[in-house]
C-alpha cells in the first residue's frame, strides 16, 4: 500500500509521461491485461487513456485493471489513469523508481 506522499511523488513523475495505452469499447481483454503486464515489468509507471466509447466509470476500470496486473492506481483524472507496479527486473538493473518514505 502506498502512502499519500508516495502517491503524490508518482503523480509528479507521471506528468510528462505519454499515454501508452488506449482502452476502447472492448474494455478489458486478456490481450490488454497481458500488454499492460509486459509494459509494467519494464516501465513501472504507466499512463492509460480511456476512449469515450467505454461505458464503465474510469475509476472502476482503473481498479479492475490494477487488480488484474497487480498494480496500484496512482491517479484517475477524467478519462486517464496512472498505474504503478514495482519491477524486480528494473530493480536488478538499478533503474527502479525510488519512492520517498
PDB file of N, CA and C in Angstrom:
ATOM      1  N   UNK A   1       0.835  -1.182   0.000  1.00  0.00           N
ATOM      2  CA  UNK A   1       0.000   0.000   0.000  1.00  0.00           C
ATOM      3  C   UNK A   1       0.878   1.243   0.000  1.00  0.00           C
ATOM      4  N   UNK A   2       0.519   2.193  -0.826  1.00  0.00           N
ATOM      5  CA  UNK A   2       1.303   3.423  -0.938  1.00  0.00           C
ATOM      6  C   UNK A   2       0.794   4.488   0.031  1.00  0.00           C
ATOM      7  N   UNK A   3       1.723   5.318   0.477  1.00  0.00           N
ATOM      8  CA  UNK A   3       1.349   6.448   1.313  1.00  0.00           C
ATOM      9  C   UNK A   3       0.938   7.611   0.414  1.00  0.00           C
ATOM     10  N   UNK A   4       0.343   8.633   1.014  1.00  0.00           N
ATOM     11  CA  UNK A   4      -0.057   9.810   0.254  1.00  0.00           C
ATOM     12  C   UNK A   4       1.145  10.530  -0.353  1.00  0.00           C
ATOM     13  N   UNK A   5       2.248  10.531   0.385  1.00  0.00           N
ATOM     14  CA  UNK A   5       3.466  11.177  -0.100  1.00  0.00           C
ATOM     15  C   UNK A   5       4.019  10.450  -1.328  1.00  0.00           C
ATOM     16  N   UNK A   6       4.005   9.129  -1.287  1.00  0.00           N
ATOM     17  CA  UNK A   6       4.482   8.345  -2.422  1.00  0.00           C
ATOM     18  C   UNK A   6       3.571   8.538  -3.640  1.00  0.00           C
ATOM     19  N   UNK A   7       2.263   8.550  -3.390  1.00  0.00           N
ATOM     20  CA  UNK A   7       1.303   8.740  -4.471  1.00  0.00           C
ATOM     21  C   UNK A   7       1.493  10.117  -5.120  1.00  0.00           C
ATOM     22  N   UNK A   8       1.714  11.142  -4.303  1.00  0.00           N
ATOM     23  CA  UNK A   8       1.929  12.492  -4.820  1.00  0.00           C
ATOM     24  C   UNK A   8       3.213  12.553  -5.651  1.00  0.00           C
ATOM     25  N   UNK A   9       4.266  11.886  -5.184  1.00  0.00           N
ATOM     26  CA  UNK A   9       5.529  11.877  -5.920  1.00  0.00           C
ATOM     27  C   UNK A   9       5.360  11.183  -7.268  1.00  0.00           C
ATOM     28  N   UNK A  10       4.638  10.061  -7.275  1.00  0.00           N
ATOM     29  CA  UNK A  10       4.396   9.341  -8.525  1.00  0.00           C
ATOM     30  C   UNK A  10       3.530  10.150  -9.484  1.00  0.00           C
ATOM     31  N   UNK A  11       2.564  10.893  -8.962  1.00  0.00           N
ATOM     32  CA  UNK A  11       1.757  11.769  -9.831  1.00  0.00           C
ATOM     33  C   UNK A  11       2.644  12.787 -10.522  1.00  0.00           C
ATOM     34  N   UNK A  12       3.593  13.335  -9.788  1.00  0.00           N
ATOM     35  CA  UNK A  12       4.533  14.285 -10.377  1.00  0.00           C
ATOM     36  C   UNK A  12       5.392  13.648 -11.465  1.00  0.00           C
ATOM     37  N   UNK A  13       5.831  12.420 -11.236  1.00  0.00           N
ATOM     38  CA  UNK A  13       6.639  11.708 -12.228  1.00  0.00           C
ATOM     39  C   UNK A  13       5.824  11.379 -13.482  1.00  0.00           C
ATOM     40  N   UNK A  14       4.523  11.166 -13.312  1.00  0.00           N
ATOM     41  CA  UNK A  14       3.659  10.777 -14.431  1.00  0.00           C
ATOM     42  C   UNK A  14       3.212  11.972 -15.265  1.00  0.00           C
ATOM     43  N   UNK A  15       3.448  13.181 -14.779  1.00  0.00           N
ATOM     44  CA  UNK A  15       3.000  14.383 -15.500  1.00  0.00           C
ATOM     45  C   UNK A  15       3.433  14.401 -16.960  1.00  0.00           C
ATOM     46  N   UNK A  16       4.676  14.121 -17.223  1.00  0.00           N
ATOM     47  CA  UNK A  16       5.216  14.234 -18.576  1.00  0.00           C
ATOM     48  C   UNK A  16       5.158  12.932 -19.371  1.00  0.00           C
ATOM     49  N   UNK A  17       4.597  11.889 -18.778  1.00  0.00           N
ATOM     50  CA  UNK A  17       4.512  10.610 -19.484  1.00  0.00           C
ATOM     51  C   UNK A  17       3.452  10.662 -20.582  1.00  0.00           C
ATOM     52  N   UNK A  18       3.754  10.097 -21.731  1.00  0.00           N
ATOM     53  CA  UNK A  18       2.709   9.966 -22.756  1.00  0.00           C
ATOM     54  C   UNK A  18       1.781   8.795 -22.398  1.00  0.00           C
ATOM     55  N   UNK A  19       0.572   8.831 -22.902  1.00  0.00           N
ATOM     56  CA  UNK A  19      -0.345   7.700 -22.723  1.00  0.00           C
ATOM     57  C   UNK A  19       0.127   6.573 -23.639  1.00  0.00           C
ATOM     58  N   UNK A  20       0.492   5.444 -23.059  1.00  0.00           N
ATOM     59  CA  UNK A  20       0.994   4.320 -23.850  1.00  0.00           C
ATOM     60  C   UNK A  20      -0.108   3.384 -24.308  1.00  0.00           C
ATOM     61  N   UNK A  21      -1.274   3.449 -23.641  1.00  0.00           N
ATOM     62  CA  UNK A  21      -2.374   2.558 -23.984  1.00  0.00           C
ATOM     63  C   UNK A  21      -3.670   3.334 -24.085  1.00  0.00           C
ATOM     64  N   UNK A  22      -4.572   2.813 -24.935  1.00  0.00           N
ATOM     65  CA  UNK A  22      -5.931   3.314 -25.009  1.00  0.00           C
ATOM     66  C   UNK A  22      -6.870   2.144 -24.783  1.00  0.00           C
ATOM     67  N   UNK A  23      -7.874   2.365 -23.952  1.00  0.00           N
ATOM     68  CA  UNK A  23      -8.888   1.348 -23.718  1.00  0.00           C
ATOM     69  C   UNK A  23     -10.130   1.788 -24.475  1.00  0.00           C
ATOM     70  N   UNK A  24     -10.614   0.919 -25.360  1.00  0.00           N
ATOM     71  CA  UNK A  24     -11.773   1.254 -26.176  1.00  0.00           C
ATOM     72  C   UNK A  24     -13.013   0.496 -25.746  1.00  0.00           C
ATOM     73  N   UNK A  25     -13.964   0.392 -26.666  1.00  0.00           N
ATOM     74  CA  UNK A  25     -15.247  -0.218 -26.323  1.00  0.00           C
ATOM     75  C   UNK A  25     -15.140  -1.698 -25.975  1.00  0.00           C
ATOM     76  N   UNK A  26     -14.040  -2.351 -26.360  1.00  0.00           N
ATOM     77  CA  UNK A  26     -13.824  -3.737 -25.962  1.00  0.00           C
ATOM     78  C   UNK A  26     -13.521  -3.858 -24.485  1.00  0.00           C
ATOM     79  N   UNK A  27     -13.185  -2.735 -23.856  1.00  0.00           N
ATOM     80  CA  UNK A  27     -12.852  -2.624 -22.440  1.00  0.00           C
ATOM     81  C   UNK A  27     -11.751  -3.588 -22.037  1.00  0.00           C
ATOM     82  N   UNK A  28     -11.953  -4.431 -21.039  1.00  0.00           N
ATOM     83  CA  UNK A  28     -10.887  -5.274 -20.502  1.00  0.00           C
ATOM     84  C   UNK A  28     -10.841  -6.602 -21.257  1.00  0.00           C
ATOM     85  N   UNK A  29      -9.701  -6.856 -21.901  1.00  0.00           N
ATOM     86  CA  UNK A  29      -9.497  -8.114 -22.620  1.00  0.00           C
ATOM     87  C   UNK A  29      -8.220  -8.774 -22.103  1.00  0.00           C
ATOM     88  N   UNK A  30      -8.067 -10.049 -22.405  1.00  0.00           N
ATOM     89  CA  UNK A  30      -6.839 -10.755 -21.994  1.00  0.00           C
ATOM     90  C   UNK A  30      -5.608 -10.126 -22.628  1.00  0.00           C
ATOM     91  N   UNK A  31      -5.753  -9.707 -23.889  1.00  0.00           N
ATOM     92  CA  UNK A  31      -4.622  -9.095 -24.595  1.00  0.00           C
ATOM     93  C   UNK A  31      -4.213  -7.778 -23.939  1.00  0.00           C
ATOM     94  N   UNK A  32      -5.190  -6.974 -23.525  1.00  0.00           N
ATOM     95  CA  UNK A  32      -4.890  -5.713 -22.844  1.00  0.00           C
ATOM     96  C   UNK A  32      -4.168  -5.981 -21.533  1.00  0.00           C
ATOM     97  N   UNK A  33      -4.641  -6.937 -20.771  1.00  0.00           N
ATOM     98  CA  UNK A  33      -4.010  -7.264 -19.484  1.00  0.00           C
ATOM     99  C   UNK A  33      -2.584  -7.754 -19.699  1.00  0.00           C
ATOM    100  N   UNK A  34      -2.380  -8.610 -20.684  1.00  0.00           N
ATOM    101  CA  UNK A  34      -1.021  -9.110 -20.968  1.00  0.00           C
ATOM    102  C   UNK A  34      -0.109  -7.966 -21.399  1.00  0.00           C
ATOM    103  N   UNK A  35      -0.609  -7.078 -22.242  1.00  0.00           N
ATOM    104  CA  UNK A  35       0.199  -5.951 -22.707  1.00  0.00           C
ATOM    105  C   UNK A  35       0.556  -5.017 -21.562  1.00  0.00           C
ATOM    106  N   UNK A  36      -0.408  -4.710 -20.691  1.00  0.00           N
ATOM    107  CA  UNK A  36      -0.132  -3.859 -19.530  1.00  0.00           C
ATOM    108  C   UNK A  36       0.896  -4.517 -18.618  1.00  0.00           C
ATOM    109  N   UNK A  37       0.761  -5.813 -18.414  1.00  0.00           N
ATOM    110  CA  UNK A  37       1.690  -6.553 -17.564  1.00  0.00           C
ATOM    111  C   UNK A  37       3.112  -6.485 -18.126  1.00  0.00           C
ATOM    112  N   UNK A  38       3.237  -6.669 -19.432  1.00  0.00           N
ATOM    113  CA  UNK A  38       4.553  -6.608 -20.076  1.00  0.00           C
ATOM    114  C   UNK A  38       5.188  -5.233 -19.940  1.00  0.00           C
ATOM    115  N   UNK A  39       4.411  -4.192 -20.168  1.00  0.00           N
ATOM    116  CA  UNK A  39       4.954  -2.830 -20.099  1.00  0.00           C
ATOM    117  C   UNK A  39       5.296  -2.458 -18.657  1.00  0.00           C
ATOM    118  N   UNK A  40       4.463  -2.858 -17.704  1.00  0.00           N
ATOM    119  CA  UNK A  40       4.755  -2.547 -16.302  1.00  0.00           C
ATOM    120  C   UNK A  40       6.006  -3.251 -15.795  1.00  0.00           C
ATOM    121  N   UNK A  41       6.395  -4.345 -16.431  1.00  0.00           N
ATOM    122  CA  UNK A  41       7.610  -5.027 -15.992  1.00  0.00           C
ATOM    123  C   UNK A  41       8.862  -4.255 -16.387  1.00  0.00           C
ATOM    124  N   UNK A  42       8.745  -3.343 -17.354  1.00  0.00           N
ATOM    125  CA  UNK A  42       9.910  -2.562 -17.763  1.00  0.00           C
ATOM    126  C   UNK A  42       9.779  -1.065 -17.477  1.00  0.00           C
ATOM    127  N   UNK A  43       8.572  -0.562 -17.313  1.00  0.00           N
ATOM    128  CA  UNK A  43       8.404   0.880 -17.116  1.00  0.00           C
ATOM    129  C   UNK A  43       7.978   1.288 -15.712  1.00  0.00           C
ATOM    130  N   UNK A  44       7.346   0.433 -14.957  1.00  0.00           N
ATOM    131  CA  UNK A  44       6.860   0.675 -13.594  1.00  0.00           C
ATOM    132  C   UNK A  44       5.717   1.678 -13.517  1.00  0.00           C
ATOM    133  N   UNK A  45       5.780   2.771 -14.240  1.00  0.00           N
ATOM    134  CA  UNK A  45       4.758   3.815 -14.193  1.00  0.00           C
ATOM    135  C   UNK A  45       4.147   3.934 -15.581  1.00  0.00           C
ATOM    136  N   UNK A  46       2.822   3.897 -15.647  1.00  0.00           N
ATOM    137  CA  UNK A  46       2.147   3.789 -16.931  1.00  0.00           C
ATOM    138  C   UNK A  46       0.890   4.641 -16.943  1.00  0.00           C
ATOM    139  N   UNK A  47       0.719   5.419 -18.002  1.00  0.00           N
ATOM    140  CA  UNK A  47      -0.479   6.240 -18.161  1.00  0.00           C
ATOM    141  C   UNK A  47      -1.353   5.623 -19.247  1.00  0.00           C
ATOM    142  N   UNK A  48      -2.659   5.534 -18.957  1.00  0.00           N
ATOM    143  CA  UNK A  48      -3.613   4.895 -19.862  1.00  0.00           C
ATOM    144  C   UNK A  48      -4.743   5.867 -20.173  1.00  0.00           C
ATOM    145  N   UNK A  49      -5.121   5.938 -21.442  1.00  0.00           N
ATOM    146  CA  UNK A  49      -6.224   6.783 -21.886  1.00  0.00           C
ATOM    147  C   UNK A  49      -7.462   5.916 -22.110  1.00  0.00           C
ATOM    148  N   UNK A  50      -8.622   6.407 -21.680  1.00  0.00           N
ATOM    149  CA  UNK A  50      -9.875   5.690 -21.863  1.00  0.00           C
ATOM    150  C   UNK A  50     -10.699   6.441 -22.903  1.00  0.00           C
ATOM    151  N   UNK A  51     -11.077   5.753 -23.964  1.00  0.00           N
ATOM    152  CA  UNK A  51     -11.891   6.385 -25.000  1.00  0.00           C
ATOM    153  C   UNK A  51     -13.313   6.615 -24.501  1.00  0.00           C
ATOM    154  N   UNK A  52     -13.998   7.551 -25.116  1.00  0.00           N
ATOM    155  CA  UNK A  52     -15.349   7.897 -24.668  1.00  0.00           C
ATOM    156  C   UNK A  52     -16.380   6.818 -24.960  1.00  0.00           C
ATOM    157  N   UNK A  53     -16.022   5.830 -25.778  1.00  0.00           N
ATOM    158  CA  UNK A  53     -16.954   4.744 -26.090  1.00  0.00           C
ATOM    159  C   UNK A  53     -17.069   3.723 -24.965  1.00  0.00           C
ATOM    160  N   UNK A  54     -16.194   3.798 -23.981  1.00  0.00           N
ATOM    161  CA  UNK A  54     -16.209   2.859 -22.857  1.00  0.00           C
ATOM    162  C   UNK A  54     -17.347   3.246 -21.912  1.00  0.00           C
ATOM    163  N   UNK A  55     -18.142   2.254 -21.528  1.00  0.00           N
ATOM    164  CA  UNK A  55     -19.309   2.522 -20.689  1.00  0.00           C
ATOM    165  C   UNK A  55     -18.998   2.504 -19.195  1.00  0.00           C
ATOM    166  N   UNK A  56     -17.897   1.874 -18.799  1.00  0.00           N
ATOM    167  CA  UNK A  56     -17.528   1.803 -17.374  1.00  0.00           C
ATOM    168  C   UNK A  56     -17.022   3.157 -16.886  1.00  0.00           C
ATOM    169  N   UNK A  57     -17.184   3.391 -15.591  1.00  0.00           N
ATOM    170  CA  UNK A  57     -16.594   4.590 -14.988  1.00  0.00           C
ATOM    171  C   UNK A  57     -15.079   4.436 -14.998  1.00  0.00           C
ATOM    172  N   UNK A  58     -14.336   5.501 -15.282  1.00  0.00           N
ATOM    173  CA  UNK A  58     -12.872   5.407 -15.329  1.00  0.00           C
ATOM    174  C   UNK A  58     -12.244   4.850 -14.048  1.00  0.00           C
ATOM    175  N   UNK A  59     -12.762   5.234 -12.890  1.00  0.00           N
ATOM    176  CA  UNK A  59     -12.198   4.740 -11.627  1.00  0.00           C
ATOM    177  C   UNK A  59     -12.404   3.235 -11.491  1.00  0.00           C
ATOM    178  N   UNK A  60     -13.569   2.734 -11.892  1.00  0.00           N
ATOM    179  CA  UNK A  60     -13.838   1.295 -11.823  1.00  0.00           C
ATOM    180  C   UNK A  60     -12.939   0.520 -12.777  1.00  0.00           C
ATOM    181  N   UNK A  61     -12.777   1.051 -13.981  1.00  0.00           N
ATOM    182  CA  UNK A  61     -11.922   0.410 -14.973  1.00  0.00           C
ATOM    183  C   UNK A  61     -10.472   0.371 -14.484  1.00  0.00           C
ATOM    184  N   UNK A  62      -9.997   1.483 -13.921  1.00  0.00           N
ATOM    185  CA  UNK A  62      -8.632   1.542 -13.399  1.00  0.00           C
ATOM    186  C   UNK A  62      -8.442   0.530 -12.273  1.00  0.00           C
ATOM    187  N   UNK A  63      -9.421   0.429 -11.373  1.00  0.00           N
ATOM    188  CA  UNK A  63      -9.325  -0.531 -10.263  1.00  0.00           C
ATOM    189  C   UNK A  63      -9.269  -1.972 -10.765  1.00  0.00           C
ATOM    190  N   UNK A  64     -10.108  -2.295 -11.745  1.00  0.00           N
ATOM    191  CA  UNK A  64     -10.130  -3.664 -12.264  1.00  0.00           C
ATOM    192  C   UNK A  64      -8.834  -4.024 -12.979  1.00  0.00           C
ATOM    193  N   UNK A  65      -8.315  -3.082 -13.775  1.00  0.00           N
ATOM    194  CA  UNK A  65      -7.053  -3.351 -14.473  1.00  0.00           C
ATOM    195  C   UNK A  65      -5.893  -3.450 -13.489  1.00  0.00           C
ATOM    196  N   UNK A  66      -5.877  -2.588 -12.477  1.00  0.00           N
ATOM    197  CA  UNK A  66      -4.815  -2.637 -11.470  1.00  0.00           C
ATOM    198  C   UNK A  66      -4.834  -3.972 -10.738  1.00  0.00           C
ATOM    199  N   UNK A  67      -6.015  -4.448 -10.399  1.00  0.00           N
ATOM    200  CA  UNK A  67      -6.147  -5.733  -9.731  1.00  0.00           C
ATOM    201  C   UNK A  67      -5.669  -6.873 -10.638  1.00  0.00           C
ATOM    202  N   UNK A  68      -5.986  -6.777 -11.920  1.00  0.00           N
ATOM    203  CA  UNK A  68      -5.614  -7.834 -12.868  1.00  0.00           C
ATOM    204  C   UNK A  68      -4.108  -7.939 -13.080  1.00  0.00           C
ATOM    205  N   UNK A  69      -3.395  -6.802 -13.011  1.00  0.00           N
ATOM    206  CA  UNK A  69      -1.950  -6.828 -13.260  1.00  0.00           C
ATOM    207  C   UNK A  69      -1.124  -6.674 -11.986  1.00  0.00           C
ATOM    208  N   UNK A  70      -1.775  -6.561 -10.835  1.00  0.00           N
ATOM    209  CA  UNK A  70      -1.054  -6.447  -9.574  1.00  0.00           C
ATOM    210  C   UNK A  70      -0.400  -5.099  -9.378  1.00  0.00           C
ATOM    211  N   UNK A  71      -1.064  -4.045  -9.829  1.00  0.00           N
ATOM    212  CA  UNK A  71      -0.512  -2.696  -9.730  1.00  0.00           C
ATOM    213  C   UNK A  71      -1.351  -1.851  -8.779  1.00  0.00           C
ATOM    214  N   UNK A  72      -0.860  -0.648  -8.487  1.00  0.00           N
ATOM    215  CA  UNK A  72      -1.596   0.332  -7.687  1.00  0.00           C
ATOM    216  C   UNK A  72      -2.079   1.444  -8.599  1.00  0.00           C
ATOM    217  N   UNK A  73      -3.294   1.920  -8.366  1.00  0.00           N
ATOM    218  CA  UNK A  73      -3.802   3.090  -9.092  1.00  0.00           C
ATOM    219  C   UNK A  73      -3.226   4.317  -8.407  1.00  0.00           C
ATOM    220  N   UNK A  74      -2.474   5.101  -9.153  1.00  0.00           N
ATOM    221  CA  UNK A  74      -1.870   6.312  -8.609  1.00  0.00           C
ATOM    222  C   UNK A  74      -2.855   7.461  -8.700  1.00  0.00           C
ATOM    223  N   UNK A  75      -3.528   7.578  -9.836  1.00  0.00           N
ATOM    224  CA  UNK A  75      -4.384   8.732 -10.074  1.00  0.00           C
ATOM    225  C   UNK A  75      -5.380   8.425 -11.183  1.00  0.00           C
ATOM    226  N   UNK A  76      -6.583   8.968 -11.036  1.00  0.00           N
ATOM    227  CA  UNK A  76      -7.586   8.920 -12.101  1.00  0.00           C
ATOM    228  C   UNK A  76      -8.064  10.343 -12.311  1.00  0.00           C
ATOM    229  N   UNK A  77      -7.855  10.852 -13.524  1.00  0.00           N
ATOM    230  CA  UNK A  77      -8.315  12.201 -13.858  1.00  0.00           C
ATOM    231  C   UNK A  77      -9.052  12.123 -15.180  1.00  0.00           C
ATOM    232  N   UNK A  78     -10.326  12.457 -15.164  1.00  0.00           N
ATOM    233  CA  UNK A  78     -11.106  12.432 -16.397  1.00  0.00           C
ATOM    234  C   UNK A  78     -11.084  11.057 -17.031  1.00  0.00           C
ATOM    235  N   UNK A  79     -10.597  10.988 -18.259  1.00  0.00           N
ATOM    236  CA  UNK A  79     -10.528   9.716 -18.983  1.00  0.00           C
ATOM    237  C   UNK A  79      -9.105   9.174 -19.043  1.00  0.00           C
ATOM    238  N   UNK A  80      -8.296   9.500 -18.040  1.00  0.00           N
ATOM    239  CA  UNK A  80      -6.932   8.975 -17.963  1.00  0.00           C
ATOM    240  C   UNK A  80      -6.669   8.465 -16.556  1.00  0.00           C
ATOM    241  N   UNK A  81      -5.812   7.451 -16.479  1.00  0.00           N
ATOM    242  CA  UNK A  81      -5.379   6.997 -15.165  1.00  0.00           C
ATOM    243  C   UNK A  81      -3.934   6.541 -15.234  1.00  0.00           C
ATOM    244  N   UNK A  82      -3.296   6.506 -14.063  1.00  0.00           N
ATOM    245  CA  UNK A  82      -1.885   6.142 -13.948  1.00  0.00           C
ATOM    246  C   UNK A  82      -1.771   4.931 -13.034  1.00  0.00           C
ATOM    247  N   UNK A  83      -1.003   3.928 -13.485  1.00  0.00           N
ATOM    248  CA  UNK A  83      -0.749   2.725 -12.703  1.00  0.00           C
ATOM    249  C   UNK A  83       0.732   2.647 -12.341  1.00  0.00           C
ATOM    250  N   UNK A  84       1.013   2.075 -11.163  1.00  0.00           N
ATOM    251  CA  UNK A  84       2.404   1.849 -10.734  1.00  0.00           C
ATOM    252  C   UNK A  84       2.530   0.424 -10.213  1.00  0.00           C
ATOM    253  N   UNK A  85       3.614  -0.227 -10.629  1.00  0.00           N
ATOM    254  CA  UNK A  85       3.981  -1.536 -10.074  1.00  0.00           C
ATOM    255  C   UNK A  85       5.493  -1.629 -10.060  1.00  0.00           C
ATOM    256  N   UNK A  86       6.039  -1.921  -8.893  1.00  0.00           N
ATOM    257  CA  UNK A  86       7.495  -2.071  -8.774  1.00  0.00           C
ATOM    258  C   UNK A  86       7.948  -3.251  -9.616  1.00  0.00           C
ATOM    259  N   UNK A  87       9.037  -3.049 -10.343  1.00  0.00           N
ATOM    260  CA  UNK A  87       9.556  -4.077 -11.233  1.00  0.00           C
ATOM    261  C   UNK A  87      10.855  -4.633 -10.683  1.00  0.00           C
ATOM    262  N   UNK A  88      10.870  -5.931 -10.443  1.00  0.00           N
ATOM    263  CA  UNK A  88      12.095  -6.581  -9.966  1.00  0.00           C
ATOM    264  C   UNK A  88      13.189  -6.524 -11.036  1.00  0.00           C
ATOM    265  N   UNK A  89      12.781  -6.610 -12.283  1.00  0.00           N
ATOM    266  CA  UNK A  89      13.745  -6.550 -13.387  1.00  0.00           C
ATOM    267  C   UNK A  89      14.471  -5.196 -13.383  1.00  0.00           C
ATOM    268  N   UNK A  90      13.717  -4.109 -13.207  1.00  0.00           N
ATOM    269  CA  UNK A  90      14.321  -2.778 -13.181  1.00  0.00           C
ATOM    270  C   UNK A  90      15.157  -2.586 -11.909  1.00  0.00           C
ATOM    271  N   UNK A  91      14.728  -3.178 -10.811  1.00  0.00           N
ATOM    272  CA  UNK A  91      15.478  -3.072  -9.554  1.00  0.00           C
ATOM    273  C   UNK A  91      16.839  -3.745  -9.682  1.00  0.00           C
ATOM    274  N   UNK A  92      16.882  -4.910 -10.346  1.00  0.00           N
ATOM    275  CA  UNK A  92      18.165  -5.606 -10.540  1.00  0.00           C
ATOM    276  C   UNK A  92      19.124  -4.775 -11.387  1.00  0.00           C
ATOM    277  N   UNK A  93      18.566  -4.007 -12.343  1.00  0.00           N
ATOM    278  CA  UNK A  93      19.397  -3.166 -13.199  1.00  0.00           C
ATOM    279  C   UNK A  93      19.747  -1.832 -12.548  1.00  0.00           C
ATOM    280  N   UNK A  94      19.158  -1.555 -11.388  1.00  0.00           N
ATOM    281  CA  UNK A  94      19.411  -0.307 -10.697  1.00  0.00           C
ATOM    282  C   UNK A  94      18.655   0.873 -11.300  1.00  0.00           C
ATOM    283  N   UNK A  95      17.606   0.603 -12.065  1.00  0.00           N
ATOM    284  CA  UNK A  95      16.840   1.664 -12.723  1.00  0.00           C
ATOM    285  C   UNK A  95      15.431   1.804 -12.172  1.00  0.00           C
ATOM    286  N   UNK A  96      15.166   1.195 -11.052  1.00  0.00           N
ATOM    287  CA  UNK A  96      13.841   1.237 -10.451  1.00  0.00           C
ATOM    288  C   UNK A  96      13.571   2.613  -9.845  1.00  0.00           C
ATOM    289  N   UNK A  97      12.307   3.016  -9.849  1.00  0.00           N
ATOM    290  CA  UNK A  97      11.936   4.272  -9.203  1.00  0.00           C
ATOM    291  C   UNK A  97      12.106   4.113  -7.695  1.00  0.00           C
ATOM    292  N   UNK A  98      12.694   5.101  -7.053  1.00  0.00           N
ATOM    293  CA  UNK A  98      12.879   5.076  -5.606  1.00  0.00           C
ATOM    294  C   UNK A  98      11.816   5.955  -4.983  1.00  0.00           C
ATOM    295  N   UNK A  99      10.856   5.340  -4.325  1.00  0.00           N
ATOM    296  CA  UNK A  99       9.755   6.079  -3.718  1.00  0.00           C
ATOM    297  C   UNK A  99      10.205   6.737  -2.422  1.00  0.00           C
ATOM    298  N   UNK A 100       9.689   7.942  -2.134  1.00  0.00           N
ATOM    299  CA  UNK A 100      10.008   8.570  -0.849  1.00  0.00           C
ATOM    300  C   UNK A 100       9.385   7.778   0.299  1.00  0.00           C
ATOM    301  N   UNK A 101       9.978   7.895   1.464  1.00  0.00           N
ATOM    302  CA  UNK A 101       9.499   7.134   2.627  1.00  0.00           C
ATOM    303  C   UNK A 101       8.408   7.868   3.342  1.00  0.00           C
TER     304      UNK A 101
END
